[in-house]
């Protein structure tokens, strides 16, 4: 969702079937800044790069190392884009990607997008935000010769594209995985986002696209001013209840809006009569 921004600079990947990787899926969110070129290029090329890197999809360490190499390779490729070399483009992007197999969920993150796993009624963070107010990130900035004041970076730093990698073993209790840019997390906590998705599923919604739309609309209503992107990956442990799902919720919302409009018109009519 573009939201209140003048342009949409996010990109994403949601591939549930990849010929090169048996029974594997790849999901990713790229939050662009200063333009959309780098985010778009990342979304278009990540899977191609991973196909050259991953040797053993049953080896979580190999997947993690491959994601790291892929992030670094994409960063190197971006420097060679003619628009970058010619000085026409100064864009960049954060990147968070999940490589999902029957055995593991491997998440790589570089930047302030975020992933959380809903499992067995709980919430497991699958990444941490690379922001100046994070203790580890502050230390990295200071070690590189910069400083942090009021949670802002001072100093011209070359930010590393090397991601942090976290692995979770798949269990039958896994419900869903969220990946989203900071436009979501600026207005919702991990627990709030998971609770909203669980609520939509409990009301009968099994279409992840509609669930994503509802989350985006909710964040917009909470005041998010950024581009917003979210990917919801449903696992067999998701609890889908009875009900009309998002369609039913929207019908109720429309009825309430019409009732409020009618009440307002009635109040205005009585006021005019007086």
Protein backbone atom coordinates (compact mmCIF):
# COMPACT_ATOMS: atom_id res chain seq x y z
CA UNK A 1 0.00 0.00 0.00
CA UNK A 2 1.33 3.43 -0.98
CA UNK A 3 -0.31 5.07 2.02
CA UNK A 4 0.30 8.80 2.41
CA UNK A 5 3.61 8.78 0.55
CA UNK A 6 3.92 10.41 -2.89
CA UNK A 7 5.30 7.20 -4.42
CA UNK A 8 5.34 3.47 -3.67
CA UNK A 9 8.92 2.32 -3.10
CA UNK A 10 8.34 -1.13 -1.54
CA UNK A 11 8.60 -4.48 -3.32
CA UNK A 12 7.99 -8.05 -2.19
CA UNK A 13 8.27 -11.74 -3.09
CA UNK A 14 5.69 -14.45 -2.36
CA UNK A 15 6.68 -17.65 -4.16
CA UNK A 16 5.20 -20.87 -2.80
CA UNK A 17 6.64 -23.08 -5.53
CA UNK A 18 10.17 -22.87 -6.95
CA UNK A 19 11.27 -25.50 -9.51
CA UNK A 20 14.88 -25.40 -8.34
CA UNK A 21 13.95 -26.11 -4.71
CA UNK A 22 11.71 -29.09 -3.96
CA UNK A 23 8.95 -28.28 -1.46
CA UNK A 24 10.41 -24.88 -0.58
CA UNK A 25 8.99 -21.36 -0.58
CA UNK A 26 10.57 -17.92 -0.49
CA UNK A 27 8.98 -14.75 0.86
CA UNK A 28 10.55 -11.32 1.17
CA UNK A 29 9.83 -7.63 1.72
CA UNK A 30 12.05 -4.83 0.43
CA UNK A 31 11.45 -1.35 1.86
CA UNK A 32 12.88 1.16 -0.59
CA UNK A 33 14.09 4.66 0.16
CA UNK A 34 15.17 7.43 -2.18
CA UNK A 35 13.44 5.68 -5.05
CA UNK A 36 12.22 2.19 -5.98
CA UNK A 37 14.96 0.90 -8.30
CA UNK A 38 16.98 -1.07 -5.75
CA UNK A 39 13.88 -2.55 -4.08
CA UNK A 40 12.47 -3.64 -7.45
CA UNK A 41 15.80 -5.11 -8.58
CA UNK A 42 16.10 -7.04 -5.31
CA UNK A 43 12.62 -8.52 -5.67
CA UNK A 44 13.27 -9.50 -9.28
CA UNK A 45 16.65 -11.12 -8.68
CA UNK A 46 16.81 -12.64 -5.18
CA UNK A 47 15.45 -16.05 -6.19
CA UNK A 48 17.76 -16.26 -9.22
CA UNK A 49 20.74 -15.54 -6.98
CA UNK A 50 19.62 -18.09 -4.38
CA UNK A 51 19.28 -20.76 -7.06
CA UNK A 52 23.02 -20.39 -7.64
CA UNK A 53 23.88 -20.39 -3.94
CA UNK A 54 21.78 -23.01 -2.12
CA UNK A 55 23.28 -26.49 -2.26
CA UNK A 56 21.23 -28.42 0.31
CA UNK A 57 17.69 -27.35 1.23
CA UNK A 58 17.70 -29.86 4.11
CA UNK A 59 20.64 -28.08 5.74
CA UNK A 60 19.56 -25.00 7.69
CA UNK A 61 23.12 -23.71 7.97
CA UNK A 62 23.60 -23.92 4.21
CA UNK A 63 20.36 -22.01 3.65
CA UNK A 64 21.44 -19.32 6.13
CA UNK A 65 24.87 -18.94 4.53
CA UNK A 66 23.26 -18.85 1.09
CA UNK A 67 20.88 -16.08 2.11
CA UNK A 68 23.82 -14.09 3.45
CA UNK A 69 25.79 -14.54 0.22
CA UNK A 70 22.71 -13.64 -1.81
CA UNK A 71 22.19 -10.38 0.11
CA UNK A 72 25.82 -9.43 -0.42
CA UNK A 73 25.70 -10.41 -4.10
CA UNK A 74 22.59 -8.29 -4.68
CA UNK A 75 24.25 -5.34 -2.97
CA UNK A 76 27.27 -5.75 -5.24
CA UNK A 77 25.03 -6.01 -8.31
CA UNK A 78 23.22 -2.81 -7.36
CA UNK A 79 26.50 -0.90 -7.43
CA UNK A 80 26.90 -1.93 -11.07
CA UNK A 81 23.51 -0.66 -12.25
CA UNK A 82 23.98 1.95 -14.95
CA UNK A 83 21.64 4.33 -13.12
CA UNK A 84 23.82 4.08 -10.01
CA UNK A 85 27.12 4.38 -11.86
CA UNK A 86 25.79 7.38 -13.77
CA UNK A 87 24.64 9.08 -10.58
CA UNK A 88 20.99 9.09 -11.67
CA UNK A 89 19.80 6.83 -8.86
CA UNK A 90 20.58 7.04 -5.16
CA UNK A 91 17.99 4.60 -3.87
CA UNK A 92 18.46 1.75 -1.45
CA UNK A 93 16.31 -0.69 0.47
CA UNK A 94 16.04 -2.80 3.55
CA UNK A 95 15.55 -6.52 3.00
CA UNK A 96 13.95 -9.32 4.98
CA UNK A 97 13.57 -12.76 3.43
CA UNK A 98 12.24 -16.11 4.64
CA UNK A 99 13.27 -19.43 3.11
CA UNK A 100 10.64 -21.96 4.21
CA UNK A 101 11.10 -25.73 3.94
CA UNK A 102 9.26 -28.69 5.46
CA UNK A 103 11.84 -28.69 8.25
CA UNK A 104 12.90 -25.08 8.86
CA UNK A 105 12.04 -21.41 8.59
CA UNK A 106 15.21 -19.44 7.88
CA UNK A 107 14.90 -15.64 8.05
CA UNK A 108 17.58 -13.18 6.95
CA UNK A 109 17.22 -9.49 7.79
CA UNK A 110 19.13 -6.34 6.93
CA UNK A 111 17.36 -3.16 8.01
CA UNK A 112 14.27 -2.29 10.01
CA UNK A 113 11.68 -4.52 8.41
CA UNK A 114 10.63 -7.37 10.68
CA UNK A 115 9.39 -10.96 10.81
CA UNK A 116 7.46 -12.75 13.55
CA UNK A 117 6.28 -16.34 13.85
CA UNK A 118 2.92 -17.15 15.41
CA UNK A 119 3.09 -20.63 16.90
CA UNK A 120 1.20 -22.55 19.58
CA UNK A 121 -0.62 -19.41 20.73
CA UNK A 122 2.64 -17.50 21.19
CA UNK A 123 4.76 -15.02 19.26
CA UNK A 124 8.41 -15.60 18.31
CA UNK A 125 10.48 -12.70 16.88
CA UNK A 126 12.38 -13.92 13.81
CA UNK A 127 14.46 -10.75 13.42
CA UNK A 128 15.49 -7.60 15.23
CA UNK A 129 15.34 -4.08 13.85
CA UNK A 130 18.58 -2.48 12.69
CA UNK A 131 17.83 0.92 14.20
CA UNK A 132 20.13 3.31 16.10
CA UNK A 133 18.17 2.85 19.34
CA UNK A 134 18.98 -0.88 19.28
CA UNK A 135 21.96 -1.56 21.55
CA UNK A 136 23.75 -3.83 19.08
CA UNK A 137 23.18 -1.47 16.17
CA UNK A 138 24.36 1.51 18.20
CA UNK A 139 27.57 -0.38 18.96
CA UNK A 140 28.10 -1.17 15.27
CA UNK A 141 27.63 2.50 14.34
CA UNK A 142 30.04 3.69 17.01
CA UNK A 143 32.62 1.05 16.07
CA UNK A 144 32.44 2.35 12.49
CA UNK A 145 33.31 5.86 13.69
CA UNK A 146 29.82 7.33 13.87
CA UNK A 147 27.67 8.41 16.76
CA UNK A 148 24.02 8.32 17.75
CA UNK A 149 22.17 11.33 19.14
CA UNK A 150 18.42 11.37 19.70
CA UNK A 151 18.25 8.01 17.89
CA UNK A 152 19.71 9.54 14.70
CA UNK A 153 22.99 8.57 13.08
CA UNK A 154 25.71 11.21 12.79
CA UNK A 155 28.54 10.37 10.42
CA UNK A 156 28.72 9.10 6.85
CA UNK A 157 28.71 5.32 7.29
CA UNK A 158 28.79 2.50 4.77
CA UNK A 159 25.95 0.31 6.03
CA UNK A 160 26.60 -3.40 5.72
CA UNK A 161 24.25 -5.49 3.60
CA UNK A 162 25.21 -8.60 5.58
CA UNK A 163 22.04 -9.86 7.25
CA UNK A 164 21.33 -11.37 10.62
CA UNK A 165 19.97 -14.90 10.21
CA UNK A 166 17.57 -16.71 12.52
CA UNK A 167 16.29 -20.27 12.20
CA UNK A 168 13.15 -21.87 13.63
CA UNK A 169 12.42 -25.56 13.28
CA UNK A 170 8.97 -26.26 11.85
CA UNK A 171 6.40 -27.74 14.23
CA UNK A 172 2.78 -28.79 13.82
CA UNK A 173 1.80 -25.89 16.10
CA UNK A 174 3.11 -23.24 13.66
CA UNK A 175 0.22 -20.96 12.66
CA UNK A 176 1.65 -18.29 10.37
CA UNK A 177 4.68 -16.15 9.61
CA UNK A 178 4.56 -12.38 9.14
CA UNK A 179 7.05 -10.30 7.18
CA UNK A 180 6.44 -6.56 7.02
CA UNK A 181 8.17 -3.23 6.56
CA UNK A 182 8.39 -0.57 9.26
CA UNK A 183 5.22 1.13 8.02
CA UNK A 184 3.43 -1.70 9.84
CA UNK A 185 5.66 -1.90 12.92
CA UNK A 186 5.61 1.88 13.46
CA UNK A 187 2.01 1.55 14.66
CA UNK A 188 1.69 -2.09 15.76
CA UNK A 189 3.66 -4.31 18.12
CA UNK A 190 4.50 -7.92 17.27
CA UNK A 191 1.75 -9.06 19.60
CA UNK A 192 -0.83 -6.64 18.17
CA UNK A 193 -0.15 -7.69 14.58
CA UNK A 194 -0.34 -11.39 15.42
CA UNK A 195 -3.52 -10.86 17.45
CA UNK A 196 -5.18 -9.06 14.52
CA UNK A 197 -4.31 -11.83 12.06
CA UNK A 198 -5.48 -14.50 14.53
CA UNK A 199 -8.75 -12.62 14.99
CA UNK A 200 -9.37 -12.45 11.24
CA UNK A 201 -8.67 -16.17 10.89
CA UNK A 202 -10.92 -16.96 13.86
CA UNK A 203 -13.73 -15.13 12.06
CA UNK A 204 -13.40 -17.53 9.14
CA UNK A 205 -10.93 -15.81 6.82
CA UNK A 206 -8.54 -18.18 5.01
CA UNK A 207 -7.52 -15.85 2.15
CA UNK A 208 -4.15 -14.37 3.08
CA UNK A 209 -4.52 -11.57 0.55
CA UNK A 210 -7.68 -10.31 2.23
CA UNK A 211 -6.03 -10.61 5.63
CA UNK A 212 -3.12 -8.49 4.38
CA UNK A 213 -5.56 -5.86 3.10
CA UNK A 214 -7.27 -5.66 6.49
CA UNK A 215 -3.95 -5.29 8.31
CA UNK A 216 -2.89 -2.49 5.95
CA UNK A 217 -6.21 -0.67 6.34
CA UNK A 218 -5.95 -1.02 10.12
CA UNK A 219 -2.43 0.44 10.15
CA UNK A 220 -3.58 3.33 7.96
CA UNK A 221 -6.37 4.04 10.46
CA UNK A 222 -3.79 4.01 13.27
CA UNK A 223 -1.86 6.79 11.55
CA UNK A 224 0.95 5.06 9.63
CA UNK A 225 2.38 7.59 7.16
CA UNK A 226 4.78 5.30 5.32
CA UNK A 227 4.51 2.86 2.43
CA UNK A 228 3.23 -0.41 3.88
CA UNK A 229 3.92 -3.98 2.78
CA UNK A 230 3.09 -7.23 4.57
CA UNK A 231 3.28 -10.91 3.67
CA UNK A 232 1.34 -13.51 5.69
CA UNK A 233 2.41 -17.14 5.28
CA UNK A 234 -0.21 -19.60 6.57
CA UNK A 235 0.89 -22.93 8.04
CA UNK A 236 -1.24 -26.03 8.77
CA UNK A 237 -1.49 -25.06 12.45
CA UNK A 238 -3.49 -21.91 11.63
CA UNK A 239 -6.87 -21.91 13.35
CA UNK A 240 -9.54 -20.91 10.83
CA UNK A 241 -12.90 -20.48 12.54
CA UNK A 242 -16.48 -20.27 11.33
CA UNK A 243 -17.83 -17.09 9.82
CA UNK A 244 -17.78 -14.90 6.74
CA UNK A 245 -14.26 -13.62 7.30
CA UNK A 246 -13.23 -10.27 5.84
CA UNK A 247 -16.33 -10.11 3.63
CA UNK A 248 -18.53 -10.35 6.72
CA UNK A 249 -16.46 -7.79 8.59
CA UNK A 250 -16.71 -5.34 5.69
CA UNK A 251 -20.46 -5.87 5.41
CA UNK A 252 -20.89 -5.03 9.10
CA UNK A 253 -18.60 -2.02 8.71
CA UNK A 254 -20.61 -0.74 5.74
CA UNK A 255 -23.90 -1.23 7.62
CA UNK A 256 -22.55 0.70 10.61
CA UNK A 257 -21.36 3.51 8.33
CA UNK A 258 -24.76 3.71 6.65
CA UNK A 259 -26.52 3.74 10.03
CA UNK A 260 -24.24 6.52 11.27
CA UNK A 261 -24.86 8.49 8.07
CA UNK A 262 -28.63 8.08 8.45
CA UNK A 263 -28.49 9.14 12.11
CA UNK A 264 -26.46 12.23 11.20
CA UNK A 265 -28.96 13.14 8.47
CA UNK A 266 -31.84 12.69 10.92
CA UNK A 267 -30.15 14.91 13.50
CA UNK A 268 -29.54 17.57 10.86
CA UNK A 269 -33.17 17.40 9.74
CA UNK A 270 -34.42 17.93 13.30
CA UNK A 271 -31.99 20.80 13.76
CA UNK A 272 -33.22 22.49 10.56
CA UNK A 273 -36.84 22.04 11.68
CA UNK A 274 -36.14 23.95 14.86
